[in-house]
């Protein structure tokens, strides 16, 4: 399994979450109010000078679902270039606790 991590500008939340759900990816954890600076968008620091914040989605998915998710992110980035959308994966192991 992999953890698929997606970060994006909070003003794009409705569009991003809706697209994931419509594509069949309905199970996620969302973090809101994140601040930071990226390479493809203006800083989102929640200040007067650098307004706005980011949201992030975490999706635990099987390895074979990674490529469809990457395709979805590429599509969303093309359709919403100002969303600052970025995606990352990392290994995931569920603990049998």
C-alpha atoms as a PDB file:
ATOM      1  CA  UNK A   1       0.000   0.000   0.000  1.00  0.00           C
ATOM      2  CA  UNK A   2       0.925   3.629  -0.419  1.00  0.00           C
ATOM      3  CA  UNK A   3      -0.061   6.883   1.173  1.00  0.00           C
ATOM      4  CA  UNK A   4      -1.053   9.385  -1.501  1.00  0.00           C
ATOM      5  CA  UNK A   5      -0.565  12.908  -0.166  1.00  0.00           C
ATOM      6  CA  UNK A   6      -2.077  15.871  -2.021  1.00  0.00           C
ATOM      7  CA  UNK A   7      -1.675  19.515  -1.042  1.00  0.00           C
ATOM      8  CA  UNK A   8      -3.512  22.425  -2.647  1.00  0.00           C
ATOM      9  CA  UNK A   9      -4.812  25.964  -2.042  1.00  0.00           C
ATOM     10  CA  UNK A  10      -7.830  25.918   0.250  1.00  0.00           C
ATOM     11  CA  UNK A  11      -9.888  28.039  -2.152  1.00  0.00           C
ATOM     12  CA  UNK A  12      -9.809  25.052  -4.522  1.00  0.00           C
ATOM     13  CA  UNK A  13     -11.109  22.624  -1.879  1.00  0.00           C
ATOM     14  CA  UNK A  14     -14.577  22.008  -3.293  1.00  0.00           C
ATOM     15  CA  UNK A  15     -13.289  21.340  -6.817  1.00  0.00           C
ATOM     16  CA  UNK A  16     -10.444  19.071  -5.678  1.00  0.00           C
ATOM     17  CA  UNK A  17     -12.430  16.964  -3.193  1.00  0.00           C
ATOM     18  CA  UNK A  18     -15.342  16.648  -5.625  1.00  0.00           C
ATOM     19  CA  UNK A  19     -13.030  15.433  -8.403  1.00  0.00           C
ATOM     20  CA  UNK A  20     -11.507  12.771  -6.135  1.00  0.00           C
ATOM     21  CA  UNK A  21     -14.934  11.558  -5.055  1.00  0.00           C
ATOM     22  CA  UNK A  22     -16.282  11.465  -8.626  1.00  0.00           C
ATOM     23  CA  UNK A  23     -13.243   9.391  -9.609  1.00  0.00           C
ATOM     24  CA  UNK A  24     -14.105   6.821  -6.936  1.00  0.00           C
ATOM     25  CA  UNK A  25     -11.626   7.934  -4.264  1.00  0.00           C
ATOM     26  CA  UNK A  26     -14.004   8.598  -1.402  1.00  0.00           C
ATOM     27  CA  UNK A  27     -11.919   7.538   1.604  1.00  0.00           C
ATOM     28  CA  UNK A  28      -9.521  10.239   2.737  1.00  0.00           C
ATOM     29  CA  UNK A  29      -8.331  12.282   5.677  1.00  0.00           C
ATOM     30  CA  UNK A  30      -8.245  16.049   5.197  1.00  0.00           C
ATOM     31  CA  UNK A  31      -6.101  18.582   7.009  1.00  0.00           C
ATOM     32  CA  UNK A  32      -7.055  22.249   6.738  1.00  0.00           C
ATOM     33  CA  UNK A  33      -5.349  25.534   7.524  1.00  0.00           C
ATOM     34  CA  UNK A  34      -1.845  24.529   6.466  1.00  0.00           C
ATOM     35  CA  UNK A  35       0.730  27.208   5.788  1.00  0.00           C
ATOM     36  CA  UNK A  36       3.773  27.013   3.577  1.00  0.00           C
ATOM     37  CA  UNK A  37       5.700  27.981   0.493  1.00  0.00           C
ATOM     38  CA  UNK A  38       5.967  25.905  -2.642  1.00  0.00           C
ATOM     39  CA  UNK A  39       7.650  25.966  -6.009  1.00  0.00           C
ATOM     40  CA  UNK A  40       4.584  26.420  -8.218  1.00  0.00           C
ATOM     41  CA  UNK A  41       2.449  28.995  -6.384  1.00  0.00           C
ATOM     42  CA  UNK A  42       2.653  32.014  -4.130  1.00  0.00           C
ATOM     43  CA  UNK A  43       3.294  31.398  -0.425  1.00  0.00           C
ATOM     44  CA  UNK A  44       0.193  30.646   1.634  1.00  0.00           C
ATOM     45  CA  UNK A  45       1.069  31.941   5.085  1.00  0.00           C
ATOM     46  CA  UNK A  46      -2.264  33.252   6.369  1.00  0.00           C
ATOM     47  CA  UNK A  47      -0.904  36.786   6.720  1.00  0.00           C
ATOM     48  CA  UNK A  48      -1.955  40.124   5.280  1.00  0.00           C
ATOM     49  CA  UNK A  49       1.041  40.081   2.947  1.00  0.00           C
ATOM     50  CA  UNK A  50       0.789  36.374   2.020  1.00  0.00           C
ATOM     51  CA  UNK A  51      -2.905  35.506   2.476  1.00  0.00           C
ATOM     52  CA  UNK A  52      -4.483  32.118   2.129  1.00  0.00           C
ATOM     53  CA  UNK A  53      -3.778  28.661   3.445  1.00  0.00           C
ATOM     54  CA  UNK A  54      -3.506  25.150   2.068  1.00  0.00           C
ATOM     55  CA  UNK A  55      -5.429  21.939   2.593  1.00  0.00           C
ATOM     56  CA  UNK A  56      -4.096  18.420   2.277  1.00  0.00           C
ATOM     57  CA  UNK A  57      -5.665  15.059   1.569  1.00  0.00           C
ATOM     58  CA  UNK A  58      -4.229  11.733   2.682  1.00  0.00           C
ATOM     59  CA  UNK A  59      -5.481   8.655   0.826  1.00  0.00           C
ATOM     60  CA  UNK A  60      -4.380   5.136   1.755  1.00  0.00           C
ATOM     61  CA  UNK A  61      -4.506   3.219  -1.526  1.00  0.00           C
ATOM     62  CA  UNK A  62      -3.317   0.011  -3.110  1.00  0.00           C
ATOM     63  CA  UNK A  63      -0.271   0.319  -5.344  1.00  0.00           C
ATOM     64  CA  UNK A  64      -2.300  -0.213  -8.534  1.00  0.00           C
ATOM     65  CA  UNK A  65      -4.386   2.891  -7.750  1.00  0.00           C
ATOM     66  CA  UNK A  66      -1.382   5.243  -7.751  1.00  0.00           C
ATOM     67  CA  UNK A  67      -1.252   5.725 -11.538  1.00  0.00           C
ATOM     68  CA  UNK A  68      -4.970   6.613 -11.814  1.00  0.00           C
ATOM     69  CA  UNK A  69      -4.519   9.098  -8.964  1.00  0.00           C
ATOM     70  CA  UNK A  70      -1.495  10.646 -10.690  1.00  0.00           C
ATOM     71  CA  UNK A  71      -3.562  10.986 -13.865  1.00  0.00           C
ATOM     72  CA  UNK A  72      -6.317  12.719 -11.923  1.00  0.00           C
ATOM     73  CA  UNK A  73      -3.823  15.149 -10.358  1.00  0.00           C
ATOM     74  CA  UNK A  74      -2.304  15.936 -13.782  1.00  0.00           C
ATOM     75  CA  UNK A  75      -5.800  16.667 -15.117  1.00  0.00           C
ATOM     76  CA  UNK A  76      -6.670  18.880 -12.150  1.00  0.00           C
ATOM     77  CA  UNK A  77      -3.356  20.761 -12.404  1.00  0.00           C
ATOM     78  CA  UNK A  78      -4.055  21.525 -16.070  1.00  0.00           C
ATOM     79  CA  UNK A  79      -7.623  22.662 -15.335  1.00  0.00           C
ATOM     80  CA  UNK A  80      -6.747  24.645 -12.169  1.00  0.00           C
ATOM     81  CA  UNK A  81      -3.148  25.888 -12.476  1.00  0.00           C
ATOM     82  CA  UNK A  82      -3.489  28.408  -9.619  1.00  0.00           C
ATOM     83  CA  UNK A  83      -4.491  25.722  -7.105  1.00  0.00           C
ATOM     84  CA  UNK A  84      -0.837  24.940  -6.357  1.00  0.00           C
ATOM     85  CA  UNK A  85      -1.703  21.259  -6.505  1.00  0.00           C
ATOM     86  CA  UNK A  86       1.127  18.852  -5.649  1.00  0.00           C
ATOM     87  CA  UNK A  87       1.050  15.117  -4.959  1.00  0.00           C
ATOM     88  CA  UNK A  88       3.468  12.751  -3.246  1.00  0.00           C
ATOM     89  CA  UNK A  89       3.482   9.081  -2.270  1.00  0.00           C
ATOM     90  CA  UNK A  90       5.217   7.177   0.449  1.00  0.00           C
ATOM     91  CA  UNK A  91       5.128   3.571   1.684  1.00  0.00           C
ATOM     92  CA  UNK A  92       2.340   2.646   4.069  1.00  0.00           C
ATOM     93  CA  UNK A  93       1.933  -0.243   6.463  1.00  0.00           C
ATOM     94  CA  UNK A  94      -1.216  -0.744   8.500  1.00  0.00           C
ATOM     95  CA  UNK A  95      -0.582  -1.899  12.027  1.00  0.00           C
ATOM     96  CA  UNK A  96      -2.704  -4.811  13.207  1.00  0.00           C
ATOM     97  CA  UNK A  97      -3.453  -3.206  16.573  1.00  0.00           C
END
